[in-house]
N, C-alpha and C. Protein backbone atom coordinates (compact mmCIF):
# COMPACT_ATOMS: atom_id res chain seq x y z
N UNK A 1 -0.66 -0.80 -116.53
CA UNK A 1 -0.28 0.37 -115.77
C UNK A 1 -1.43 0.78 -114.85
N UNK A 2 -1.11 1.14 -113.63
CA UNK A 2 -2.11 1.62 -112.68
C UNK A 2 -2.33 3.11 -112.89
N UNK A 3 -3.57 3.53 -112.89
CA UNK A 3 -3.89 4.95 -113.08
C UNK A 3 -3.68 5.76 -111.82
N UNK A 4 -3.76 5.11 -110.65
CA UNK A 4 -3.54 5.80 -109.38
C UNK A 4 -2.50 5.01 -108.59
N UNK A 5 -1.46 5.71 -108.18
CA UNK A 5 -0.40 5.08 -107.38
C UNK A 5 -0.22 5.88 -106.09
N UNK A 6 -0.13 5.17 -104.98
CA UNK A 6 0.06 5.82 -103.68
C UNK A 6 1.25 5.16 -103.00
N UNK A 7 2.20 6.00 -102.55
CA UNK A 7 3.39 5.50 -101.86
C UNK A 7 3.63 6.35 -100.62
N UNK A 8 4.18 5.75 -99.55
CA UNK A 8 4.56 6.55 -98.38
C UNK A 8 5.58 7.61 -98.81
N UNK A 9 5.48 8.79 -98.18
CA UNK A 9 6.34 9.93 -98.53
C UNK A 9 6.61 10.75 -97.29
N UNK A 10 7.86 10.96 -97.00
CA UNK A 10 8.27 11.73 -95.82
C UNK A 10 7.56 11.24 -94.57
N UNK A 11 7.41 12.12 -93.58
CA UNK A 11 6.77 11.74 -92.33
C UNK A 11 5.25 11.80 -92.45
N UNK A 12 4.60 10.69 -92.25
CA UNK A 12 3.13 10.62 -92.25
C UNK A 12 2.47 11.20 -93.49
N UNK A 13 3.14 11.12 -94.62
CA UNK A 13 2.59 11.65 -95.85
C UNK A 13 2.60 10.61 -96.95
N UNK A 14 2.01 10.97 -98.06
CA UNK A 14 1.92 10.06 -99.19
C UNK A 14 2.23 10.80 -100.49
N UNK A 15 2.83 10.08 -101.41
CA UNK A 15 3.01 10.55 -102.77
C UNK A 15 1.91 9.90 -103.59
N UNK A 16 1.06 10.72 -104.19
CA UNK A 16 -0.06 10.21 -104.98
C UNK A 16 0.16 10.66 -106.42
N UNK A 17 0.16 9.69 -107.33
CA UNK A 17 0.31 9.99 -108.76
C UNK A 17 -0.93 9.49 -109.47
N UNK A 18 -1.53 10.38 -110.26
CA UNK A 18 -2.71 10.03 -111.04
C UNK A 18 -2.39 10.25 -112.50
N UNK A 19 -2.53 9.20 -113.30
CA UNK A 19 -2.37 9.28 -114.75
C UNK A 19 -3.78 9.24 -115.35
N UNK A 20 -4.12 10.25 -116.15
CA UNK A 20 -5.45 10.24 -116.75
C UNK A 20 -5.36 10.28 -118.26
N UNK A 21 -6.39 9.77 -118.91
CA UNK A 21 -6.47 9.73 -120.37
C UNK A 21 -7.52 10.73 -120.85
N UNK A 22 -7.10 11.76 -121.59
CA UNK A 22 -8.11 12.63 -122.20
C UNK A 22 -8.87 11.84 -123.27
N UNK A 23 -10.01 12.34 -123.67
CA UNK A 23 -10.85 11.60 -124.61
C UNK A 23 -10.23 11.44 -125.99
N UNK A 24 -9.46 12.43 -126.43
CA UNK A 24 -8.79 12.37 -127.74
C UNK A 24 -7.38 12.97 -127.59
N UNK A 25 -6.45 12.61 -128.47
CA UNK A 25 -5.07 13.09 -128.36
C UNK A 25 -4.89 14.60 -128.49
N UNK A 26 -5.90 15.31 -128.92
CA UNK A 26 -5.81 16.77 -129.05
C UNK A 26 -6.88 17.47 -128.20
N UNK A 27 -7.34 16.82 -127.16
CA UNK A 27 -8.41 17.33 -126.29
C UNK A 27 -8.06 18.73 -125.78
N UNK A 28 -8.91 19.69 -126.07
CA UNK A 28 -8.65 21.07 -125.65
C UNK A 28 -8.96 21.30 -124.17
N UNK A 29 -9.60 20.35 -123.53
CA UNK A 29 -9.95 20.49 -122.12
C UNK A 29 -9.03 19.71 -121.19
N UNK A 30 -7.95 19.17 -121.71
CA UNK A 30 -7.05 18.35 -120.88
C UNK A 30 -6.51 19.12 -119.68
N UNK A 31 -6.13 20.38 -119.87
CA UNK A 31 -5.63 21.20 -118.75
C UNK A 31 -6.72 21.38 -117.71
N UNK A 32 -7.91 21.68 -118.16
CA UNK A 32 -9.03 21.88 -117.24
C UNK A 32 -9.35 20.61 -116.48
N UNK A 33 -9.31 19.47 -117.15
CA UNK A 33 -9.55 18.20 -116.48
C UNK A 33 -8.52 17.98 -115.38
N UNK A 34 -7.25 18.21 -115.69
CA UNK A 34 -6.20 18.06 -114.68
C UNK A 34 -6.37 19.01 -113.51
N UNK A 35 -6.71 20.26 -113.79
CA UNK A 35 -6.94 21.24 -112.72
C UNK A 35 -8.14 20.86 -111.85
N UNK A 36 -9.19 20.37 -112.48
CA UNK A 36 -10.38 19.96 -111.72
C UNK A 36 -10.07 18.76 -110.84
N UNK A 37 -9.30 17.81 -111.36
CA UNK A 37 -8.87 16.67 -110.54
C UNK A 37 -8.09 17.16 -109.32
N UNK A 38 -7.12 18.04 -109.57
CA UNK A 38 -6.28 18.56 -108.49
C UNK A 38 -7.12 19.32 -107.46
N UNK A 39 -7.99 20.20 -107.92
CA UNK A 39 -8.82 20.98 -107.00
C UNK A 39 -9.72 20.11 -106.14
N UNK A 40 -10.35 19.13 -106.74
CA UNK A 40 -11.26 18.25 -106.01
C UNK A 40 -10.50 17.42 -104.98
N UNK A 41 -9.36 16.88 -105.37
CA UNK A 41 -8.57 16.06 -104.44
C UNK A 41 -8.03 16.91 -103.30
N UNK A 42 -7.46 18.07 -103.61
CA UNK A 42 -6.91 18.92 -102.56
C UNK A 42 -7.98 19.37 -101.58
N UNK A 43 -9.19 19.56 -102.05
CA UNK A 43 -10.27 20.01 -101.18
C UNK A 43 -10.80 18.89 -100.29
N UNK A 44 -10.75 17.65 -100.77
CA UNK A 44 -11.42 16.56 -100.07
C UNK A 44 -10.52 15.55 -99.39
N UNK A 45 -9.24 15.58 -99.65
CA UNK A 45 -8.33 14.62 -99.01
C UNK A 45 -7.66 15.32 -97.83
N UNK A 46 -7.85 14.78 -96.64
CA UNK A 46 -7.32 15.45 -95.45
C UNK A 46 -5.91 14.98 -95.10
N UNK A 47 -5.50 13.84 -95.63
CA UNK A 47 -4.16 13.35 -95.37
C UNK A 47 -3.13 14.25 -96.04
N UNK A 48 -1.92 14.22 -95.52
CA UNK A 48 -0.83 15.00 -96.09
C UNK A 48 -0.32 14.26 -97.33
N UNK A 49 -0.45 14.92 -98.50
CA UNK A 49 -0.04 14.28 -99.74
C UNK A 49 0.76 15.22 -100.62
N UNK A 50 1.62 14.62 -101.44
CA UNK A 50 2.25 15.32 -102.56
C UNK A 50 1.56 14.73 -103.78
N UNK A 51 0.93 15.58 -104.53
CA UNK A 51 0.07 15.14 -105.63
C UNK A 51 0.70 15.43 -106.98
N UNK A 52 0.84 14.40 -107.80
CA UNK A 52 1.30 14.53 -109.18
C UNK A 52 0.18 14.03 -110.08
N UNK A 53 -0.31 14.90 -110.93
CA UNK A 53 -1.36 14.53 -111.88
C UNK A 53 -0.77 14.70 -113.28
N UNK A 54 -0.83 13.65 -114.07
CA UNK A 54 -0.24 13.69 -115.41
C UNK A 54 -1.15 13.01 -116.42
N UNK A 55 -0.99 13.42 -117.66
CA UNK A 55 -1.66 12.72 -118.75
C UNK A 55 -0.84 11.46 -119.01
N UNK A 56 -1.51 10.34 -119.16
CA UNK A 56 -0.82 9.08 -119.42
C UNK A 56 0.06 9.23 -120.66
N UNK A 57 1.23 8.63 -120.60
CA UNK A 57 2.22 8.77 -121.67
C UNK A 57 1.65 8.38 -123.04
N UNK A 58 1.86 9.28 -123.99
CA UNK A 58 1.43 9.03 -125.36
C UNK A 58 -0.05 9.26 -125.63
N UNK A 59 -0.78 9.86 -124.68
CA UNK A 59 -2.23 10.02 -124.83
C UNK A 59 -2.67 11.41 -125.23
N UNK A 60 -1.73 12.36 -125.39
CA UNK A 60 -2.10 13.71 -125.81
C UNK A 60 -0.96 14.31 -126.61
N UNK A 61 -1.29 15.11 -127.59
CA UNK A 61 -0.28 15.70 -128.47
C UNK A 61 0.63 16.71 -127.75
N UNK A 62 0.16 17.32 -126.66
CA UNK A 62 0.98 18.27 -125.91
C UNK A 62 1.07 17.88 -124.44
N UNK A 63 1.16 16.58 -124.18
CA UNK A 63 1.13 16.10 -122.79
C UNK A 63 2.22 16.70 -121.91
N UNK A 64 3.43 16.87 -122.43
CA UNK A 64 4.53 17.40 -121.63
C UNK A 64 4.21 18.82 -121.15
N UNK A 65 3.72 19.65 -122.04
CA UNK A 65 3.37 21.03 -121.70
C UNK A 65 2.22 21.07 -120.67
N UNK A 66 1.21 20.27 -120.88
CA UNK A 66 0.06 20.25 -119.97
C UNK A 66 0.46 19.69 -118.61
N UNK A 67 1.27 18.64 -118.59
CA UNK A 67 1.74 18.07 -117.31
C UNK A 67 2.50 19.11 -116.50
N UNK A 68 3.33 19.89 -117.19
CA UNK A 68 4.09 20.94 -116.51
C UNK A 68 3.13 21.98 -115.91
N UNK A 69 2.12 22.35 -116.68
CA UNK A 69 1.16 23.36 -116.24
C UNK A 69 0.35 22.90 -115.02
N UNK A 70 -0.15 21.68 -115.05
CA UNK A 70 -1.05 21.24 -113.98
C UNK A 70 -0.31 20.79 -112.72
N UNK A 71 1.04 20.82 -112.76
CA UNK A 71 1.82 20.46 -111.58
C UNK A 71 2.68 21.61 -111.08
N UNK A 72 2.54 22.79 -111.67
CA UNK A 72 3.28 23.98 -111.25
C UNK A 72 2.45 24.71 -110.19
N UNK A 73 2.97 24.83 -108.98
CA UNK A 73 2.22 25.40 -107.86
C UNK A 73 1.66 26.78 -108.16
N UNK A 74 2.47 27.65 -108.73
CA UNK A 74 2.01 29.02 -108.99
C UNK A 74 0.92 29.06 -110.05
N UNK A 75 1.08 28.28 -111.11
CA UNK A 75 0.06 28.25 -112.16
C UNK A 75 -1.25 27.66 -111.63
N UNK A 76 -1.13 26.61 -110.84
CA UNK A 76 -2.33 25.98 -110.28
C UNK A 76 -3.05 26.94 -109.34
N UNK A 77 -2.31 27.61 -108.46
CA UNK A 77 -2.92 28.56 -107.52
C UNK A 77 -3.65 29.66 -108.27
N UNK A 78 -3.02 30.20 -109.30
CA UNK A 78 -3.66 31.26 -110.10
C UNK A 78 -4.91 30.73 -110.79
N UNK A 79 -4.82 29.56 -111.36
CA UNK A 79 -5.97 28.98 -112.08
C UNK A 79 -7.13 28.70 -111.13
N UNK A 80 -6.84 28.18 -109.95
CA UNK A 80 -7.91 27.84 -109.00
C UNK A 80 -8.55 29.08 -108.39
N UNK A 81 -7.91 30.24 -108.54
CA UNK A 81 -8.51 31.51 -108.09
C UNK A 81 -9.36 32.16 -109.18
N UNK A 82 -9.29 31.64 -110.39
CA UNK A 82 -10.06 32.17 -111.51
C UNK A 82 -11.55 32.01 -111.22
N UNK A 83 -12.33 33.12 -111.23
CA UNK A 83 -13.76 33.04 -110.91
C UNK A 83 -14.53 32.09 -111.81
N UNK A 84 -14.13 32.00 -113.08
CA UNK A 84 -14.84 31.10 -113.99
C UNK A 84 -14.59 29.63 -113.62
N UNK A 85 -13.38 29.32 -113.17
CA UNK A 85 -13.08 27.96 -112.76
C UNK A 85 -13.72 27.65 -111.42
N UNK A 86 -13.79 28.64 -110.54
CA UNK A 86 -14.41 28.43 -109.23
C UNK A 86 -15.91 28.07 -109.37
N UNK A 87 -16.54 28.55 -110.43
CA UNK A 87 -17.95 28.24 -110.66
C UNK A 87 -18.15 26.77 -111.02
N UNK A 88 -17.11 26.15 -111.48
CA UNK A 88 -17.17 24.74 -111.87
C UNK A 88 -17.48 23.89 -110.64
N UNK A 89 -18.57 23.17 -110.65
CA UNK A 89 -18.98 22.39 -109.47
C UNK A 89 -17.98 21.31 -109.13
N UNK A 90 -17.14 20.93 -110.09
CA UNK A 90 -16.13 19.90 -109.82
C UNK A 90 -15.05 20.43 -108.88
N UNK A 91 -14.67 21.71 -109.04
CA UNK A 91 -13.62 22.29 -108.23
C UNK A 91 -14.17 22.90 -106.96
N UNK A 92 -15.33 23.48 -107.03
CA UNK A 92 -15.90 24.21 -105.88
C UNK A 92 -16.24 23.30 -104.73
């Protein structure tokens, strides 16, 4: 399985899917890892993309819940405005 997949999407855009593996199946930082990936990519990729970031299937005990959280526009926007998360050099 490829961890990063890129496909043409709509006009001059791309669909980018990233599957990541947390360190352990109960990793408490999996949501933060996904948010940091999203923040860094959105800040540094200038091309028009639709971004899907997910935990690789079967790699976390609550992967479905976390995948929903890190791909929900409103939740992501609120999280990326969090001052504590903004201090994270990965997102900033």
